[in-house]
PDB file of all heavy atoms in Angstrom:
ATOM      1  N   GLN A   1       0.845  -1.193  -0.003  1.00  0.00           N
ATOM      2  CA  GLN A   1      -0.002  -0.053  -0.009  1.00  0.00           C
ATOM      3  C   GLN A   1       0.853   1.257  -0.021  1.00  0.00           C
ATOM      4  O   GLN A   1       0.618   2.243  -0.669  1.00  0.00           O
ATOM      5  CB  GLN A   1      -0.932  -0.007   1.230  1.00  0.00           C
ATOM      6  CG  GLN A   1      -1.846   1.173   1.230  1.00  0.00           C
ATOM      7  CD  GLN A   1      -2.794   1.179   2.473  1.00  0.00           C
ATOM      8  OE1 GLN A   1      -2.372   0.844   3.583  1.00  0.00           O
ATOM      9  NE2 GLN A   1      -4.082   1.516   2.282  1.00  0.00           N
ATOM     10  N   LYS A   2       1.904   1.192   0.749  1.00  0.00           N
ATOM     11  CA  LYS A   2       2.786   2.453   0.876  1.00  0.00           C
ATOM     12  C   LYS A   2       3.494   2.702  -0.459  1.00  0.00           C
ATOM     13  O   LYS A   2       3.521   3.877  -0.933  1.00  0.00           O
ATOM     14  CB  LYS A   2       3.884   2.126   1.922  1.00  0.00           C
ATOM     15  CG  LYS A   2       4.767   3.432   2.176  1.00  0.00           C
ATOM     16  CD  LYS A   2       5.728   3.132   3.243  1.00  0.00           C
ATOM     17  CE  LYS A   2       6.585   4.396   3.595  1.00  0.00           C
ATOM     18  NZ  LYS A   2       7.391   4.852   2.395  1.00  0.00           N
ATOM     19  N   ILE A   3       3.965   1.652  -1.180  1.00  0.00           N
ATOM     20  CA  ILE A   3       4.519   1.863  -2.520  1.00  0.00           C
ATOM     21  C   ILE A   3       3.563   2.336  -3.533  1.00  0.00           C
ATOM     22  O   ILE A   3       3.862   3.294  -4.292  1.00  0.00           O
ATOM     23  CB  ILE A   3       5.183   0.575  -2.892  1.00  0.00           C
ATOM     24  CG1 ILE A   3       6.520   0.281  -2.047  1.00  0.00           C
ATOM     25  CG2 ILE A   3       5.635   0.590  -4.377  1.00  0.00           C
ATOM     26  CD1 ILE A   3       7.195  -1.010  -2.331  1.00  0.00           C
ATOM     27  N   ALA A   4       2.379   1.778  -3.456  1.00  0.00           N
ATOM     28  CA  ALA A   4       1.330   2.093  -4.376  1.00  0.00           C
ATOM     29  C   ALA A   4       0.966   3.612  -4.205  1.00  0.00           C
ATOM     30  O   ALA A   4       0.866   4.345  -5.127  1.00  0.00           O
ATOM     31  CB  ALA A   4       0.060   1.229  -4.251  1.00  0.00           C
ATOM     32  N   HIS A   5       0.781   4.000  -2.970  1.00  0.00           N
ATOM     33  CA  HIS A   5       0.453   5.502  -2.654  1.00  0.00           C
ATOM     34  C   HIS A   5       1.681   6.411  -3.124  1.00  0.00           C
ATOM     35  O   HIS A   5       1.384   7.485  -3.628  1.00  0.00           O
ATOM     36  CB  HIS A   5       0.098   5.613  -1.238  1.00  0.00           C
ATOM     37  CG  HIS A   5      -1.266   5.164  -0.901  1.00  0.00           C
ATOM     38  ND1 HIS A   5      -1.810   5.159   0.320  1.00  0.00           N
ATOM     39  CD2 HIS A   5      -2.235   4.682  -1.772  1.00  0.00           C
ATOM     40  CE1 HIS A   5      -3.079   4.683   0.278  1.00  0.00           C
ATOM     41  NE2 HIS A   5      -3.314   4.354  -1.000  1.00  0.00           N
ATOM     42  N   GLU A   6       2.807   5.988  -2.845  1.00  0.00           N
ATOM     43  CA  GLU A   6       3.986   6.774  -3.269  1.00  0.00           C
ATOM     44  C   GLU A   6       3.971   7.053  -4.839  1.00  0.00           C
ATOM     45  O   GLU A   6       4.158   8.113  -5.309  1.00  0.00           O
ATOM     46  CB  GLU A   6       5.323   6.224  -2.958  1.00  0.00           C
ATOM     47  CG  GLU A   6       5.702   6.438  -1.492  1.00  0.00           C
ATOM     48  CD  GLU A   6       7.139   5.990  -1.206  1.00  0.00           C
ATOM     49  OE1 GLU A   6       8.081   6.549  -1.803  1.00  0.00           O
ATOM     50  OE2 GLU A   6       7.319   4.988  -0.453  1.00  0.00           O
ATOM     51  N   LEU A   7       3.658   5.955  -5.602  1.00  0.00           N
ATOM     52  CA  LEU A   7       3.582   6.016  -7.050  1.00  0.00           C
ATOM     53  C   LEU A   7       2.422   7.048  -7.426  1.00  0.00           C
ATOM     54  O   LEU A   7       2.619   7.813  -8.354  1.00  0.00           O
ATOM     55  CB  LEU A   7       3.527   4.671  -7.564  1.00  0.00           C
ATOM     56  CG  LEU A   7       4.650   3.728  -7.418  1.00  0.00           C
ATOM     57  CD1 LEU A   7       4.205   2.361  -7.763  1.00  0.00           C
ATOM     58  CD2 LEU A   7       5.777   4.206  -8.318  1.00  0.00           C
ATOM     59  N   LEU A   8       1.313   6.763  -6.791  1.00  0.00           N
ATOM     60  CA  LEU A   8       0.166   7.595  -7.159  1.00  0.00           C
ATOM     61  C   LEU A   8       0.519   9.089  -6.831  1.00  0.00           C
ATOM     62  O   LEU A   8       0.015   9.995  -7.572  1.00  0.00           O
ATOM     63  CB  LEU A   8      -1.058   7.207  -6.362  1.00  0.00           C
ATOM     64  CG  LEU A   8      -1.701   5.801  -6.690  1.00  0.00           C
ATOM     65  CD1 LEU A   8      -2.817   5.493  -5.818  1.00  0.00           C
ATOM     66  CD2 LEU A   8      -1.988   5.742  -8.254  1.00  0.00           C
ATOM     67  N   GLU A   9       1.118   9.342  -5.745  1.00  0.00           N
ATOM     68  CA  GLU A   9       1.547  10.749  -5.378  1.00  0.00           C
ATOM     69  C   GLU A   9       2.419  11.375  -6.510  1.00  0.00           C
ATOM     70  O   GLU A   9       2.531  12.605  -6.621  1.00  0.00           O
ATOM     71  CB  GLU A   9       2.058  10.771  -4.027  1.00  0.00           C
ATOM     72  CG  GLU A   9       1.142  10.625  -2.893  1.00  0.00           C
ATOM     73  CD  GLU A   9       1.703  10.566  -1.503  1.00  0.00           C
ATOM     74  OE1 GLU A   9       2.872  10.369  -1.460  1.00  0.00           O
ATOM     75  OE2 GLU A   9       1.037  10.757  -0.527  1.00  0.00           O
ATOM     76  N   LYS A  10       3.082  10.584  -7.185  1.00  0.00           N
ATOM     77  CA  LYS A  10       3.985  11.010  -8.298  1.00  0.00           C
ATOM     78  C   LYS A  10       3.185  11.143  -9.594  1.00  0.00           C
ATOM     79  O   LYS A  10       3.762  11.277 -10.618  1.00  0.00           O
ATOM     80  CB  LYS A  10       5.212  10.145  -8.479  1.00  0.00           C
ATOM     81  CG  LYS A  10       5.945   9.819  -7.256  1.00  0.00           C
ATOM     82  CD  LYS A  10       6.601  11.073  -6.630  1.00  0.00           C
ATOM     83  CE  LYS A  10       7.510  10.777  -5.525  1.00  0.00           C
ATOM     84  NZ  LYS A  10       8.048  11.931  -4.767  1.00  0.00           N
ATOM     85  N   ASN A  11       1.842  10.898  -9.540  1.00  0.00           N
ATOM     86  CA  ASN A  11       0.949  10.916 -10.643  1.00  0.00           C
ATOM     87  C   ASN A  11       1.179   9.742 -11.662  1.00  0.00           C
ATOM     88  O   ASN A  11       0.680   9.868 -12.874  1.00  0.00           O
ATOM     89  CB  ASN A  11       1.104  12.221 -11.443  1.00  0.00           C
ATOM     90  CG  ASN A  11       0.723  13.485 -10.656  1.00  0.00           C
ATOM     91  OD1 ASN A  11      -0.007  13.330  -9.614  1.00  0.00           O
ATOM     92  ND2 ASN A  11       1.258  14.612 -10.940  1.00  0.00           N
ATOM     93  N   LEU A  12       1.773   8.729 -11.231  1.00  0.00           N
ATOM     94  CA  LEU A  12       2.044   7.568 -12.107  1.00  0.00           C
ATOM     95  C   LEU A  12       0.868   6.564 -11.994  1.00  0.00           C
ATOM     96  O   LEU A  12       0.231   6.464 -11.016  1.00  0.00           O
ATOM     97  CB  LEU A  12       3.332   6.843 -11.741  1.00  0.00           C
ATOM     98  CG  LEU A  12       4.577   7.679 -11.814  1.00  0.00           C
ATOM     99  CD1 LEU A  12       5.768   7.068 -11.008  1.00  0.00           C
ATOM    100  CD2 LEU A  12       5.015   7.872 -13.276  1.00  0.00           C
ATOM    101  N   TYR A  13       0.659   5.718 -13.103  1.00  0.00           N
ATOM    102  CA  TYR A  13      -0.202   4.660 -13.058  1.00  0.00           C
ATOM    103  C   TYR A  13       0.519   3.475 -12.482  1.00  0.00           C
ATOM    104  O   TYR A  13       1.796   3.375 -12.554  1.00  0.00           O
ATOM    105  CB  TYR A  13      -0.675   4.295 -14.432  1.00  0.00           C
ATOM    106  CG  TYR A  13      -1.862   5.147 -14.933  1.00  0.00           C
ATOM    107  CD1 TYR A  13      -1.737   6.438 -15.436  1.00  0.00           C
ATOM    108  CD2 TYR A  13      -3.235   4.628 -14.814  1.00  0.00           C
ATOM    109  CE1 TYR A  13      -2.852   7.187 -15.804  1.00  0.00           C
ATOM    110  CE2 TYR A  13      -4.265   5.335 -15.255  1.00  0.00           C
ATOM    111  CZ  TYR A  13      -4.129   6.621 -15.755  1.00  0.00           C
ATOM    112  OH  TYR A  13      -5.178   7.339 -16.087  1.00  0.00           O
ATOM    113  N   VAL A  14      -0.175   2.582 -11.803  1.00  0.00           N
ATOM    114  CA  VAL A  14       0.465   1.371 -11.258  1.00  0.00           C
ATOM    115  C   VAL A  14      -0.236   0.154 -11.906  1.00  0.00           C
ATOM    116  O   VAL A  14      -1.408  -0.138 -11.691  1.00  0.00           O
ATOM    117  CB  VAL A  14       0.225   1.289  -9.749  1.00  0.00           C
ATOM    118  CG1 VAL A  14       0.936   0.081  -9.087  1.00  0.00           C
ATOM    119  CG2 VAL A  14       0.678   2.546  -9.093  1.00  0.00           C
ATOM    120  N   PHE A  15       0.516  -0.549 -12.845  1.00  0.00           N
ATOM    121  CA  PHE A  15       0.151  -1.754 -13.413  1.00  0.00           C
ATOM    122  C   PHE A  15       0.677  -2.948 -12.732  1.00  0.00           C
ATOM    123  O   PHE A  15       1.849  -3.058 -12.513  1.00  0.00           O
ATOM    124  CB  PHE A  15       0.568  -1.746 -14.855  1.00  0.00           C
ATOM    125  CG  PHE A  15       0.108  -0.594 -15.706  1.00  0.00           C
ATOM    126  CD1 PHE A  15       0.756  -0.195 -16.874  1.00  0.00           C
ATOM    127  CD2 PHE A  15      -1.054   0.008 -15.408  1.00  0.00           C
ATOM    128  CE1 PHE A  15       0.294   0.893 -17.691  1.00  0.00           C
ATOM    129  CE2 PHE A  15      -1.563   1.114 -16.254  1.00  0.00           C
ATOM    130  CZ  PHE A  15      -0.867   1.572 -17.365  1.00  0.00           C
ATOM    131  N   MET A  16      -0.244  -3.898 -12.381  1.00  0.00           N
ATOM    132  CA  MET A  16       0.177  -4.970 -11.513  1.00  0.00           C
ATOM    133  C   MET A  16       0.051  -6.359 -12.267  1.00  0.00           C
ATOM    134  O   MET A  16      -1.042  -6.629 -12.916  1.00  0.00           O
ATOM    135  CB  MET A  16      -0.677  -5.007 -10.244  1.00  0.00           C
ATOM    136  CG  MET A  16      -0.304  -3.808  -9.310  1.00  0.00           C
ATOM    137  SD  MET A  16      -1.453  -3.582  -7.940  1.00  0.00           S
ATOM    138  CE  MET A  16      -2.807  -2.734  -8.742  1.00  0.00           C
ATOM    139  N   HIS A  17       1.010  -7.213 -12.035  1.00  0.00           N
ATOM    140  CA  HIS A  17       1.133  -8.435 -12.701  1.00  0.00           C
ATOM    141  C   HIS A  17       1.783  -9.540 -11.889  1.00  0.00           C
ATOM    142  O   HIS A  17       2.544  -9.211 -11.014  1.00  0.00           O
ATOM    143  CB  HIS A  17       1.932  -8.396 -14.062  1.00  0.00           C
ATOM    144  CG  HIS A  17       1.826  -7.065 -14.738  1.00  0.00           C
ATOM    145  ND1 HIS A  17       0.895  -6.939 -15.827  1.00  0.00           N
ATOM    146  CD2 HIS A  17       2.471  -5.898 -14.630  1.00  0.00           C
ATOM    147  CE1 HIS A  17       1.017  -5.631 -16.334  1.00  0.00           C
ATOM    148  NE2 HIS A  17       1.874  -5.011 -15.584  1.00  0.00           N
ATOM    149  N   SER A  18       1.487 -10.818 -12.207  1.00  0.00           N
ATOM    150  CA  SER A  18       2.296 -11.932 -11.645  1.00  0.00           C
ATOM    151  C   SER A  18       2.076 -12.020 -10.181  1.00  0.00           C
ATOM    152  O   SER A  18       1.282 -11.409  -9.556  1.00  0.00           O
ATOM    153  CB  SER A  18       3.834 -11.939 -12.105  1.00  0.00           C
ATOM    154  OG  SER A  18       4.308 -13.127 -11.958  1.00  0.00           O
ATOM    155  N   ASP A  19       2.970 -12.899  -9.601  1.00  0.00           N
ATOM    156  CA  ASP A  19       2.871 -13.230  -8.157  1.00  0.00           C
ATOM    157  C   ASP A  19       4.264 -13.480  -7.652  1.00  0.00           C
ATOM    158  O   ASP A  19       5.165 -13.796  -8.377  1.00  0.00           O
ATOM    159  CB  ASP A  19       1.907 -14.428  -7.889  1.00  0.00           C
ATOM    160  CG  ASP A  19       2.526 -15.715  -8.365  1.00  0.00           C
ATOM    161  OD1 ASP A  19       2.467 -15.997  -9.643  1.00  0.00           O
ATOM    162  OD2 ASP A  19       3.084 -16.496  -7.585  1.00  0.00           O
ATOM    163  N   THR A  20       4.412 -13.443  -6.351  1.00  0.00           N
ATOM    164  CA  THR A  20       5.638 -13.886  -5.571  1.00  0.00           C
ATOM    165  C   THR A  20       5.195 -14.921  -4.551  1.00  0.00           C
ATOM    166  O   THR A  20       4.518 -14.633  -3.648  1.00  0.00           O
ATOM    167  CB  THR A  20       6.231 -12.730  -4.865  1.00  0.00           C
ATOM    168  OG1 THR A  20       6.600 -11.658  -5.831  1.00  0.00           O
ATOM    169  CG2 THR A  20       7.474 -13.135  -4.152  1.00  0.00           C
ATOM    170  N   GLY A  21       5.547 -16.163  -4.896  1.00  0.00           N
ATOM    171  CA  GLY A  21       5.157 -17.276  -4.073  1.00  0.00           C
ATOM    172  C   GLY A  21       3.652 -17.336  -3.862  1.00  0.00           C
ATOM    173  O   GLY A  21       3.183 -17.669  -2.827  1.00  0.00           O
ATOM    174  N   GLY A  22       2.923 -17.032  -4.884  1.00  0.00           N
ATOM    175  CA  GLY A  22       1.436 -17.157  -4.845  1.00  0.00           C
ATOM    176  C   GLY A  22       0.778 -15.892  -4.329  1.00  0.00           C
ATOM    177  O   GLY A  22      -0.503 -15.869  -4.274  1.00  0.00           O
ATOM    178  N   VAL A  23       1.578 -14.894  -3.965  1.00  0.00           N
ATOM    179  CA  VAL A  23       1.002 -13.679  -3.387  1.00  0.00           C
ATOM    180  C   VAL A  23       1.001 -12.560  -4.493  1.00  0.00           C
ATOM    181  O   VAL A  23       2.034 -12.410  -5.083  1.00  0.00           O
ATOM    182  CB  VAL A  23       1.688 -13.209  -2.186  1.00  0.00           C
ATOM    183  CG1 VAL A  23       1.127 -11.871  -1.612  1.00  0.00           C
ATOM    184  CG2 VAL A  23       1.669 -14.184  -1.090  1.00  0.00           C
ATOM    185  N   ARG A  24      -0.032 -11.865  -4.700  1.00  0.00           N
ATOM    186  CA  ARG A  24      -0.200 -10.809  -5.780  1.00  0.00           C
ATOM    187  C   ARG A  24      -0.496  -9.492  -5.177  1.00  0.00           C
ATOM    188  O   ARG A  24      -1.265  -9.262  -4.180  1.00  0.00           O
ATOM    189  CB  ARG A  24      -1.227 -11.212  -6.741  1.00  0.00           C
ATOM    190  CG  ARG A  24      -0.951 -12.501  -7.504  1.00  0.00           C
ATOM    191  CD  ARG A  24      -1.983 -12.897  -8.461  1.00  0.00           C
ATOM    192  NE  ARG A  24      -1.611 -14.022  -9.204  1.00  0.00           N
ATOM    193  CZ  ARG A  24      -1.806 -15.324  -8.956  1.00  0.00           C
ATOM    194  NH1 ARG A  24      -2.539 -15.518  -7.846  1.00  0.00           N
ATOM    195  NH2 ARG A  24      -1.438 -16.307  -9.673  1.00  0.00           N
ATOM    196  N   MET A  25       0.234  -8.435  -5.626  1.00  0.00           N
ATOM    197  CA  MET A  25       0.125  -7.092  -5.135  1.00  0.00           C
ATOM    198  C   MET A  25      -1.326  -6.573  -5.125  1.00  0.00           C
ATOM    199  O   MET A  25      -1.855  -5.959  -4.202  1.00  0.00           O
ATOM    200  CB  MET A  25       1.114  -6.204  -5.843  1.00  0.00           C
ATOM    201  CG  MET A  25       1.032  -4.746  -5.307  1.00  0.00           C
ATOM    202  SD  MET A  25       2.308  -3.826  -6.183  1.00  0.00           S
ATOM    203  CE  MET A  25       2.045  -2.183  -5.412  1.00  0.00           C
ATOM    204  N   ALA A  26      -1.988  -6.862  -6.217  1.00  0.00           N
ATOM    205  CA  ALA A  26      -3.389  -6.365  -6.398  1.00  0.00           C
ATOM    206  C   ALA A  26      -4.282  -6.983  -5.204  1.00  0.00           C
ATOM    207  O   ALA A  26      -5.124  -6.335  -4.732  1.00  0.00           O
ATOM    208  CB  ALA A  26      -3.936  -6.606  -7.737  1.00  0.00           C
ATOM    209  N   GLU A  27      -4.009  -8.189  -4.984  1.00  0.00           N
ATOM    210  CA  GLU A  27      -4.859  -8.846  -3.946  1.00  0.00           C
ATOM    211  C   GLU A  27      -4.473  -8.326  -2.537  1.00  0.00           C
ATOM    212  O   GLU A  27      -5.353  -8.237  -1.613  1.00  0.00           O
ATOM    213  CB  GLU A  27      -4.610 -10.401  -3.992  1.00  0.00           C
ATOM    214  CG  GLU A  27      -5.255 -10.992  -5.241  1.00  0.00           C
ATOM    215  CD  GLU A  27      -4.831 -12.398  -5.532  1.00  0.00           C
ATOM    216  OE1 GLU A  27      -3.795 -12.851  -4.981  1.00  0.00           O
ATOM    217  OE2 GLU A  27      -5.511 -13.041  -6.303  1.00  0.00           O
TER     218      GLU A  27
END
């Protein structure tokens, strides 16, 4: 959440893909 908000505060889009050990950022 912190990384996503930092990116949004920079006016960037956040595109999310794939998983790390079955865990996904969007989830």
